[in-house]
Amino acid sequence: MLHLLKHPQYKERIVEEIREVVVRPKMAKGEGEWEPSSFLDLIDYDDISELGFYSQCFNESLRM
């Protein structure tokens, strides 16, 4: 979290990736409303494998 606060361009890239991979497809299917507080209700295990940049950032934070 600290690194994302220091580098907001990466945070924005992660948020956009989540919108593209998780939120927009679910909204197109009519599976609820998009609110940041309800994000965890939208994501499932299959979506996580498609979040490439998020996975890279997460793995890099573990490495550090």
PDB file of N, CA and C in Angstrom:
ATOM      1  N   MET A   1       0.831  -1.193   0.000  1.00  0.00           N
ATOM      2  CA  MET A   1       0.000   0.000   0.000  1.00  0.00           C
ATOM      3  C   MET A   1       0.874   1.255   0.000  1.00  0.00           C
ATOM      4  N   LEU A   2       1.959   1.214   0.745  1.00  0.00           N
ATOM      5  CA  LEU A   2       2.848   2.369   0.809  1.00  0.00           C
ATOM      6  C   LEU A   2       3.410   2.707  -0.569  1.00  0.00           C
ATOM      7  N   HIS A   3       3.810   1.700  -1.311  1.00  0.00           N
ATOM      8  CA  HIS A   3       4.369   1.943  -2.641  1.00  0.00           C
ATOM      9  C   HIS A   3       3.318   2.503  -3.593  1.00  0.00           C
ATOM     10  N   LEU A   4       2.081   2.069  -3.460  1.00  0.00           N
ATOM     11  CA  LEU A   4       1.022   2.619  -4.306  1.00  0.00           C
ATOM     12  C   LEU A   4       0.736   4.067  -3.944  1.00  0.00           C
ATOM     13  N   LEU A   5       0.864   4.408  -2.678  1.00  0.00           N
ATOM     14  CA  LEU A   5       0.686   5.803  -2.275  1.00  0.00           C
ATOM     15  C   LEU A   5       1.823   6.673  -2.789  1.00  0.00           C
ATOM     16  N   LYS A   6       3.020   6.111  -2.836  1.00  0.00           N
ATOM     17  CA  LYS A   6       4.169   6.862  -3.342  1.00  0.00           C
ATOM     18  C   LYS A   6       4.149   6.991  -4.862  1.00  0.00           C
ATOM     19  N   HIS A   7       3.498   6.050  -5.537  1.00  0.00           N
ATOM     20  CA  HIS A   7       3.464   6.033  -6.999  1.00  0.00           C
ATOM     21  C   HIS A   7       2.012   5.940  -7.478  1.00  0.00           C
ATOM     22  N   PRO A   8       1.295   7.056  -7.443  1.00  0.00           N
ATOM     23  CA  PRO A   8      -0.142   7.015  -7.783  1.00  0.00           C
ATOM     24  C   PRO A   8      -0.429   6.581  -9.222  1.00  0.00           C
ATOM     25  N   GLN A   9       0.534   6.705 -10.124  1.00  0.00           N
ATOM     26  CA  GLN A   9       0.286   6.269 -11.507  1.00  0.00           C
ATOM     27  C   GLN A   9       0.052   4.762 -11.567  1.00  0.00           C
ATOM     28  N   TYR A  10       0.699   4.006 -10.689  1.00  0.00           N
ATOM     29  CA  TYR A  10       0.482   2.565 -10.652  1.00  0.00           C
ATOM     30  C   TYR A  10      -0.866   2.236 -10.030  1.00  0.00           C
ATOM     31  N   LYS A  11      -1.240   3.006  -9.026  1.00  0.00           N
ATOM     32  CA  LYS A  11      -2.552   2.802  -8.407  1.00  0.00           C
ATOM     33  C   LYS A  11      -3.650   3.020  -9.439  1.00  0.00           C
ATOM     34  N   GLU A  12      -3.532   4.080 -10.230  1.00  0.00           N
ATOM     35  CA  GLU A  12      -4.536   4.357 -11.252  1.00  0.00           C
ATOM     36  C   GLU A  12      -4.566   3.251 -12.307  1.00  0.00           C
ATOM     37  N   ARG A  13      -3.411   2.718 -12.642  1.00  0.00           N
ATOM     38  CA  ARG A  13      -3.347   1.634 -13.630  1.00  0.00           C
ATOM     39  C   ARG A  13      -4.024   0.375 -13.097  1.00  0.00           C
ATOM     40  N   ILE A  14      -3.830   0.087 -11.813  1.00  0.00           N
ATOM     41  CA  ILE A  14      -4.484  -1.072 -11.198  1.00  0.00           C
ATOM     42  C   ILE A  14      -5.992  -0.874 -11.164  1.00  0.00           C
ATOM     43  N   VAL A  15      -6.437   0.314 -10.786  1.00  0.00           N
ATOM     44  CA  VAL A  15      -7.873   0.598 -10.724  1.00  0.00           C
ATOM     45  C   VAL A  15      -8.493   0.457 -12.113  1.00  0.00           C
ATOM     46  N   GLU A  16      -7.820   0.965 -13.132  1.00  0.00           N
ATOM     47  CA  GLU A  16      -8.349   0.854 -14.493  1.00  0.00           C
ATOM     48  C   GLU A  16      -8.394  -0.607 -14.950  1.00  0.00           C
ATOM     49  N   GLU A  17      -7.369  -1.385 -14.592  1.00  0.00           N
ATOM     50  CA  GLU A  17      -7.368  -2.799 -14.946  1.00  0.00           C
ATOM     51  C   GLU A  17      -8.541  -3.516 -14.268  1.00  0.00           C
ATOM     52  N   ILE A  18      -8.810  -3.207 -13.037  1.00  0.00           N
ATOM     53  CA  ILE A  18      -9.938  -3.819 -12.325  1.00  0.00           C
ATOM     54  C   ILE A  18     -11.252  -3.434 -12.977  1.00  0.00           C
ATOM     55  N   ARG A  19     -11.369  -2.178 -13.371  1.00  0.00           N
ATOM     56  CA  ARG A  19     -12.595  -1.748 -14.062  1.00  0.00           C
ATOM     57  C   ARG A  19     -12.783  -2.514 -15.367  1.00  0.00           C
ATOM     58  N   GLU A  20     -11.701  -2.681 -16.133  1.00  0.00           N
ATOM     59  CA  GLU A  20     -11.793  -3.358 -17.432  1.00  0.00           C
ATOM     60  C   GLU A  20     -12.071  -4.850 -17.296  1.00  0.00           C
ATOM     61  N   VAL A  21     -11.404  -5.512 -16.353  1.00  0.00           N
ATOM     62  CA  VAL A  21     -11.469  -6.972 -16.247  1.00  0.00           C
ATOM     63  C   VAL A  21     -12.646  -7.439 -15.402  1.00  0.00           C
ATOM     64  N   VAL A  22     -12.965  -6.721 -14.348  1.00  0.00           N
ATOM     65  CA  VAL A  22     -13.973  -7.193 -13.400  1.00  0.00           C
ATOM     66  C   VAL A  22     -15.278  -6.415 -13.509  1.00  0.00           C
ATOM     67  N   VAL A  23     -15.203  -5.113 -13.385  1.00  0.00           N
ATOM     68  CA  VAL A  23     -16.420  -4.313 -13.223  1.00  0.00           C
ATOM     69  C   VAL A  23     -17.236  -4.220 -14.506  1.00  0.00           C
ATOM     70  N   ARG A  24     -16.627  -3.825 -15.602  1.00  0.00           N
ATOM     71  CA  ARG A  24     -17.409  -3.633 -16.842  1.00  0.00           C
ATOM     72  C   ARG A  24     -18.074  -4.904 -17.342  1.00  0.00           C
ATOM     73  N   PRO A  25     -17.377  -6.051 -17.360  1.00  0.00           N
ATOM     74  CA  PRO A  25     -18.079  -7.270 -17.793  1.00  0.00           C
ATOM     75  C   PRO A  25     -19.253  -7.644 -16.886  1.00  0.00           C
ATOM     76  N   LYS A  26     -19.098  -7.449 -15.584  1.00  0.00           N
ATOM     77  CA  LYS A  26     -20.194  -7.796 -14.666  1.00  0.00           C
ATOM     78  C   LYS A  26     -21.352  -6.824 -14.820  1.00  0.00           C
ATOM     79  N   MET A  27     -21.050  -5.545 -15.048  1.00  0.00           N
ATOM     80  CA  MET A  27     -22.112  -4.564 -15.233  1.00  0.00           C
ATOM     81  C   MET A  27     -22.860  -4.829 -16.540  1.00  0.00           C
ATOM     82  N   ALA A  28     -22.141  -5.303 -17.561  1.00  0.00           N
ATOM     83  CA  ALA A  28     -22.792  -5.619 -18.830  1.00  0.00           C
ATOM     84  C   ALA A  28     -23.775  -6.775 -18.671  1.00  0.00           C
ATOM     85  N   LYS A  29     -23.475  -7.678 -17.737  1.00  0.00           N
ATOM     86  CA  LYS A  29     -24.368  -8.813 -17.466  1.00  0.00           C
ATOM     87  C   LYS A  29     -25.493  -8.422 -16.513  1.00  0.00           C
ATOM     88  N   GLY A  30     -25.418  -7.226 -15.947  1.00  0.00           N
ATOM     89  CA  GLY A  30     -26.447  -6.778 -15.012  1.00  0.00           C
ATOM     90  C   GLY A  30     -26.303  -7.374 -13.627  1.00  0.00           C
ATOM     91  N   GLU A  31     -25.060  -7.572 -13.187  1.00  0.00           N
ATOM     92  CA  GLU A  31     -24.821  -8.203 -11.886  1.00  0.00           C
ATOM     93  C   GLU A  31     -24.575  -7.179 -10.782  1.00  0.00           C
ATOM     94  N   GLY A  32     -25.375  -6.151 -10.711  1.00  0.00           N
ATOM     95  CA  GLY A  32     -25.251  -5.205  -9.609  1.00  0.00           C
ATOM     96  C   GLY A  32     -24.724  -3.855 -10.029  1.00  0.00           C
ATOM     97  N   GLU A  33     -24.588  -2.995  -9.050  1.00  0.00           N
ATOM     98  CA  GLU A  33     -24.111  -1.641  -9.255  1.00  0.00           C
ATOM     99  C   GLU A  33     -22.646  -1.551  -8.888  1.00  0.00           C
ATOM    100  N   TRP A  34     -21.898  -0.693  -9.589  1.00  0.00           N
ATOM    101  CA  TRP A  34     -20.485  -0.493  -9.271  1.00  0.00           C
ATOM    102  C   TRP A  34     -20.349   0.583  -8.212  1.00  0.00           C
ATOM    103  N   GLU A  35     -19.900   0.163  -7.082  1.00  0.00           N
ATOM    104  CA  GLU A  35     -19.502   1.065  -6.010  1.00  0.00           C
ATOM    105  C   GLU A  35     -18.209   0.502  -5.451  1.00  0.00           C
ATOM    106  N   PRO A  36     -17.244   1.366  -5.170  1.00  0.00           N
ATOM    107  CA  PRO A  36     -15.979   0.846  -4.640  1.00  0.00           C
ATOM    108  C   PRO A  36     -16.151  -0.033  -3.406  1.00  0.00           C
ATOM    109  N   SER A  37     -17.129   0.259  -2.596  1.00  0.00           N
ATOM    110  CA  SER A  37     -17.338  -0.544  -1.387  1.00  0.00           C
ATOM    111  C   SER A  37     -17.874  -1.937  -1.702  1.00  0.00           C
ATOM    112  N   SER A  38     -18.460  -2.130  -2.880  1.00  0.00           N
ATOM    113  CA  SER A  38     -19.026  -3.434  -3.239  1.00  0.00           C
ATOM    114  C   SER A  38     -18.127  -4.210  -4.192  1.00  0.00           C
ATOM    115  N   PHE A  39     -16.876  -3.759  -4.368  1.00  0.00           N
ATOM    116  CA  PHE A  39     -15.965  -4.405  -5.299  1.00  0.00           C
ATOM    117  C   PHE A  39     -15.754  -5.877  -4.966  1.00  0.00           C
ATOM    118  N   LEU A  40     -15.590  -6.199  -3.707  1.00  0.00           N
ATOM    119  CA  LEU A  40     -15.313  -7.589  -3.318  1.00  0.00           C
ATOM    120  C   LEU A  40     -16.477  -8.514  -3.631  1.00  0.00           C
ATOM    121  N   ASP A  41     -17.669  -7.959  -3.733  1.00  0.00           N
ATOM    122  CA  ASP A  41     -18.822  -8.777  -4.118  1.00  0.00           C
ATOM    123  C   ASP A  41     -18.785  -9.134  -5.605  1.00  0.00           C
ATOM    124  N   LEU A  42     -18.088  -8.343  -6.409  1.00  0.00           N
ATOM    125  CA  LEU A  42     -18.037  -8.573  -7.849  1.00  0.00           C
ATOM    126  C   LEU A  42     -16.933  -9.528  -8.279  1.00  0.00           C
ATOM    127  N   ILE A  43     -15.824  -9.534  -7.565  1.00  0.00           N
ATOM    128  CA  ILE A  43     -14.663 -10.297  -8.007  1.00  0.00           C
ATOM    129  C   ILE A  43     -14.782 -11.759  -7.587  1.00  0.00           C
ATOM    130  N   ASP A  44     -14.315 -12.651  -8.460  1.00  0.00           N
ATOM    131  CA  ASP A  44     -14.254 -14.065  -8.104  1.00  0.00           C
ATOM    132  C   ASP A  44     -12.879 -14.613  -8.487  1.00  0.00           C
ATOM    133  N   TYR A  45     -12.634 -15.848  -8.181  1.00  0.00           N
ATOM    134  CA  TYR A  45     -11.312 -16.451  -8.345  1.00  0.00           C
ATOM    135  C   TYR A  45     -10.826 -16.385  -9.789  1.00  0.00           C
ATOM    136  N   ASP A  46     -11.709 -16.595 -10.747  1.00  0.00           N
ATOM    137  CA  ASP A  46     -11.325 -16.581 -12.160  1.00  0.00           C
ATOM    138  C   ASP A  46     -10.850 -15.198 -12.604  1.00  0.00           C
ATOM    139  N   ASP A  47     -11.419 -14.149 -12.031  1.00  0.00           N
ATOM    140  CA  ASP A  47     -11.023 -12.790 -12.393  1.00  0.00           C
ATOM    141  C   ASP A  47      -9.591 -12.479 -11.967  1.00  0.00           C
ATOM    142  N   ILE A  48      -9.168 -13.025 -10.857  1.00  0.00           N
ATOM    143  CA  ILE A  48      -7.850 -12.714 -10.317  1.00  0.00           C
ATOM    144  C   ILE A  48      -6.749 -13.125 -11.294  1.00  0.00           C
ATOM    145  N   SER A  49      -6.925 -14.242 -11.968  1.00  0.00           N
ATOM    146  CA  SER A  49      -5.901 -14.704 -12.910  1.00  0.00           C
ATOM    147  C   SER A  49      -5.775 -13.774 -14.122  1.00  0.00           C
ATOM    148  N   GLU A  50      -6.796 -12.983 -14.398  1.00  0.00           N
ATOM    149  CA  GLU A  50      -6.769 -12.066 -15.532  1.00  0.00           C
ATOM    150  C   GLU A  50      -6.204 -10.687 -15.175  1.00  0.00           C
ATOM    151  N   LEU A  51      -5.944 -10.435 -13.903  1.00  0.00           N
ATOM    152  CA  LEU A  51      -5.407  -9.148 -13.463  1.00  0.00           C
ATOM    153  C   LEU A  51      -3.882  -9.203 -13.476  1.00  0.00           C
ATOM    154  N   GLY A  52      -3.315  -9.082 -14.658  1.00  0.00           N
ATOM    155  CA  GLY A  52      -1.877  -9.228 -14.838  1.00  0.00           C
ATOM    156  C   GLY A  52      -1.045  -8.172 -14.126  1.00  0.00           C
ATOM    157  N   PHE A  53      -1.371  -6.903 -14.324  1.00  0.00           N
ATOM    158  CA  PHE A  53      -0.572  -5.842 -13.708  1.00  0.00           C
ATOM    159  C   PHE A  53      -0.725  -5.864 -12.195  1.00  0.00           C
ATOM    160  N   TYR A  54      -1.928  -6.107 -11.722  1.00  0.00           N
ATOM    161  CA  TYR A  54      -2.148  -6.220 -10.277  1.00  0.00           C
ATOM    162  C   TYR A  54      -1.292  -7.341  -9.700  1.00  0.00           C
ATOM    163  N   SER A  55      -1.256  -8.474 -10.378  1.00  0.00           N
ATOM    164  CA  SER A  55      -0.462  -9.612  -9.908  1.00  0.00           C
ATOM    165  C   SER A  55       1.022  -9.268  -9.868  1.00  0.00           C
ATOM    166  N   GLN A  56       1.492  -8.549 -10.885  1.00  0.00           N
ATOM    167  CA  GLN A  56       2.892  -8.140 -10.903  1.00  0.00           C
ATOM    168  C   GLN A  56       3.218  -7.231  -9.725  1.00  0.00           C
ATOM    169  N   CYS A  57       2.340  -6.277  -9.447  1.00  0.00           N
ATOM    170  CA  CYS A  57       2.560  -5.363  -8.319  1.00  0.00           C
ATOM    171  C   CYS A  57       2.526  -6.117  -6.998  1.00  0.00           C
ATOM    172  N   PHE A  58       1.597  -7.034  -6.865  1.00  0.00           N
ATOM    173  CA  PHE A  58       1.491  -7.811  -5.630  1.00  0.00           C
ATOM    174  C   PHE A  58       2.749  -8.652  -5.426  1.00  0.00           C
ATOM    175  N   ASN A  59       3.200  -9.326  -6.464  1.00  0.00           N
ATOM    176  CA  ASN A  59       4.395 -10.160  -6.355  1.00  0.00           C
ATOM    177  C   ASN A  59       5.643  -9.330  -6.065  1.00  0.00           C
ATOM    178  N   GLU A  60       5.722  -8.155  -6.651  1.00  0.00           N
ATOM    179  CA  GLU A  60       6.864  -7.278  -6.384  1.00  0.00           C
ATOM    180  C   GLU A  60       6.860  -6.796  -4.931  1.00  0.00           C
ATOM    181  N   SER A  61       5.684  -6.536  -4.403  1.00  0.00           N
ATOM    182  CA  SER A  61       5.629  -6.120  -2.992  1.00  0.00           C
ATOM    183  C   SER A  61       6.052  -7.261  -2.071  1.00  0.00           C
ATOM    184  N   LEU A  62       5.723  -8.491  -2.433  1.00  0.00           N
ATOM    185  CA  LEU A  62       6.189  -9.629  -1.643  1.00  0.00           C
ATOM    186  C   LEU A  62       7.703  -9.788  -1.744  1.00  0.00           C
ATOM    187  N   ARG A  63       8.228  -9.545  -2.934  1.00  0.00           N
ATOM    188  CA  ARG A  63       9.670  -9.653  -3.125  1.00  0.00           C
ATOM    189  C   ARG A  63      10.406  -8.613  -2.294  1.00  0.00           C
ATOM    190  N   MET A  64       9.855  -7.413  -2.233  1.00  0.00           N
ATOM    191  CA  MET A  64      10.512  -6.341  -1.485  1.00  0.00           C
ATOM    192  C   MET A  64      10.424  -6.609   0.007  1.00  0.00           C
TER     193      MET A  64
END
